[in-house]
Amino acid sequence: MGSLGRWLPFNAGSALGGSATKIVPDLLPRWGGGVVLAVYAFAFATAAALQTSVQRDVA
């Protein structure tokens, strides 16, 4: 997966924890992991809000 894998949520969480740097040296810095996870959370929350706020005609 290469350097693209470091931007996935699991690896960003590992970078935020900071304990796996010896096993996987290609992680983001801690602050970068936090930013990536915050962006993922915002994107999913926005998608869920848009999905549930769409008014549908029941009749």
C-alpha atoms as a PDB file:
ATOM      1  CA  MET A   1       0.000   0.000   0.000  1.00  0.00           C
ATOM      2  CA  GLY A   2       3.001   2.273   0.379  1.00  0.00           C
ATOM      3  CA  SER A   3       2.791   5.781   1.720  1.00  0.00           C
ATOM      4  CA  LEU A   4      -0.965   5.950   1.090  1.00  0.00           C
ATOM      5  CA  GLY A   5      -1.549   3.594   4.027  1.00  0.00           C
ATOM      6  CA  ARG A   6      -0.306   6.146   6.540  1.00  0.00           C
ATOM      7  CA  TRP A   7      -3.395   8.299   5.820  1.00  0.00           C
ATOM      8  CA  LEU A   8      -5.899   5.542   6.658  1.00  0.00           C
ATOM      9  CA  PRO A   9      -7.748   5.789   9.994  1.00  0.00           C
ATOM     10  CA  PHE A  10      -6.091   2.763  11.624  1.00  0.00           C
ATOM     11  CA  ASN A  11      -2.568   3.960  10.906  1.00  0.00           C
ATOM     12  CA  ALA A  12      -3.460   7.515  11.917  1.00  0.00           C
ATOM     13  CA  GLY A  13      -4.720   6.140  15.227  1.00  0.00           C
ATOM     14  CA  SER A  14      -1.520   4.168  15.648  1.00  0.00           C
ATOM     15  CA  ALA A  15       0.460   7.343  15.038  1.00  0.00           C
ATOM     16  CA  LEU A  16      -1.665   9.164  17.589  1.00  0.00           C
ATOM     17  CA  GLY A  17      -0.916   6.452  20.130  1.00  0.00           C
ATOM     18  CA  GLY A  18       2.757   6.643  19.286  1.00  0.00           C
ATOM     19  CA  SER A  19       3.561   3.113  20.459  1.00  0.00           C
ATOM     20  CA  ALA A  20       3.962   1.441  17.079  1.00  0.00           C
ATOM     21  CA  THR A  21       6.727   3.626  15.682  1.00  0.00           C
ATOM     22  CA  LYS A  22       9.325   0.893  16.139  1.00  0.00           C
ATOM     23  CA  ILE A  23       7.192  -1.657  14.289  1.00  0.00           C
ATOM     24  CA  VAL A  24       5.952   0.636  11.504  1.00  0.00           C
ATOM     25  CA  PRO A  25       8.364   3.522  10.998  1.00  0.00           C
ATOM     26  CA  ASP A  26       6.294   5.089   8.164  1.00  0.00           C
ATOM     27  CA  LEU A  27       3.670   6.656  10.442  1.00  0.00           C
ATOM     28  CA  LEU A  28       2.545  10.250  10.632  1.00  0.00           C
ATOM     29  CA  PRO A  29       3.659  12.387  13.558  1.00  0.00           C
ATOM     30  CA  ARG A  30       1.296  12.414  16.543  1.00  0.00           C
ATOM     31  CA  TRP A  31      -0.234  15.756  15.625  1.00  0.00           C
ATOM     32  CA  GLY A  32      -0.710  14.537  12.032  1.00  0.00           C
ATOM     33  CA  GLY A  33      -2.535  11.434  13.231  1.00  0.00           C
ATOM     34  CA  GLY A  34      -4.845  13.615  15.303  1.00  0.00           C
ATOM     35  CA  VAL A  35      -5.585  15.893  12.367  1.00  0.00           C
ATOM     36  CA  VAL A  36      -6.282  12.958  10.049  1.00  0.00           C
ATOM     37  CA  LEU A  37      -8.667  11.374  12.552  1.00  0.00           C
ATOM     38  CA  ALA A  38     -10.432  14.713  13.107  1.00  0.00           C
ATOM     39  CA  VAL A  39     -10.913  15.113   9.343  1.00  0.00           C
ATOM     40  CA  TYR A  40     -12.315  11.583   9.047  1.00  0.00           C
ATOM     41  CA  ALA A  41     -14.687  12.217  11.976  1.00  0.00           C
ATOM     42  CA  PHE A  42     -15.861  15.504  10.460  1.00  0.00           C
ATOM     43  CA  ALA A  43     -16.404  13.909   7.048  1.00  0.00           C
ATOM     44  CA  PHE A  44     -18.436  10.999   8.440  1.00  0.00           C
ATOM     45  CA  ALA A  45     -20.469  13.283  10.717  1.00  0.00           C
ATOM     46  CA  THR A  46     -21.228  15.608   7.806  1.00  0.00           C
ATOM     47  CA  ALA A  47     -22.235  12.705   5.569  1.00  0.00           C
ATOM     48  CA  ALA A  48     -24.499  11.290   8.286  1.00  0.00           C
ATOM     49  CA  ALA A  49     -26.077  14.685   8.942  1.00  0.00           C
ATOM     50  CA  LEU A  50     -26.761  15.227   5.262  1.00  0.00           C
ATOM     51  CA  GLN A  51     -28.167  11.739   4.852  1.00  0.00           C
ATOM     52  CA  THR A  52     -30.539  12.004   7.792  1.00  0.00           C
ATOM     53  CA  SER A  53     -31.590  15.611   7.229  1.00  0.00           C
ATOM     54  CA  VAL A  54     -32.941  15.048   3.725  1.00  0.00           C
ATOM     55  CA  GLN A  55     -36.692  15.442   3.914  1.00  0.00           C
ATOM     56  CA  ARG A  56     -38.648  12.641   2.312  1.00  0.00           C
ATOM     57  CA  ASP A  57     -42.296  12.597   1.428  1.00  0.00           C
ATOM     58  CA  VAL A  58     -43.942   9.835   3.440  1.00  0.00           C
ATOM     59  CA  ALA A  59     -47.319  10.009   1.742  1.00  0.00           C
END
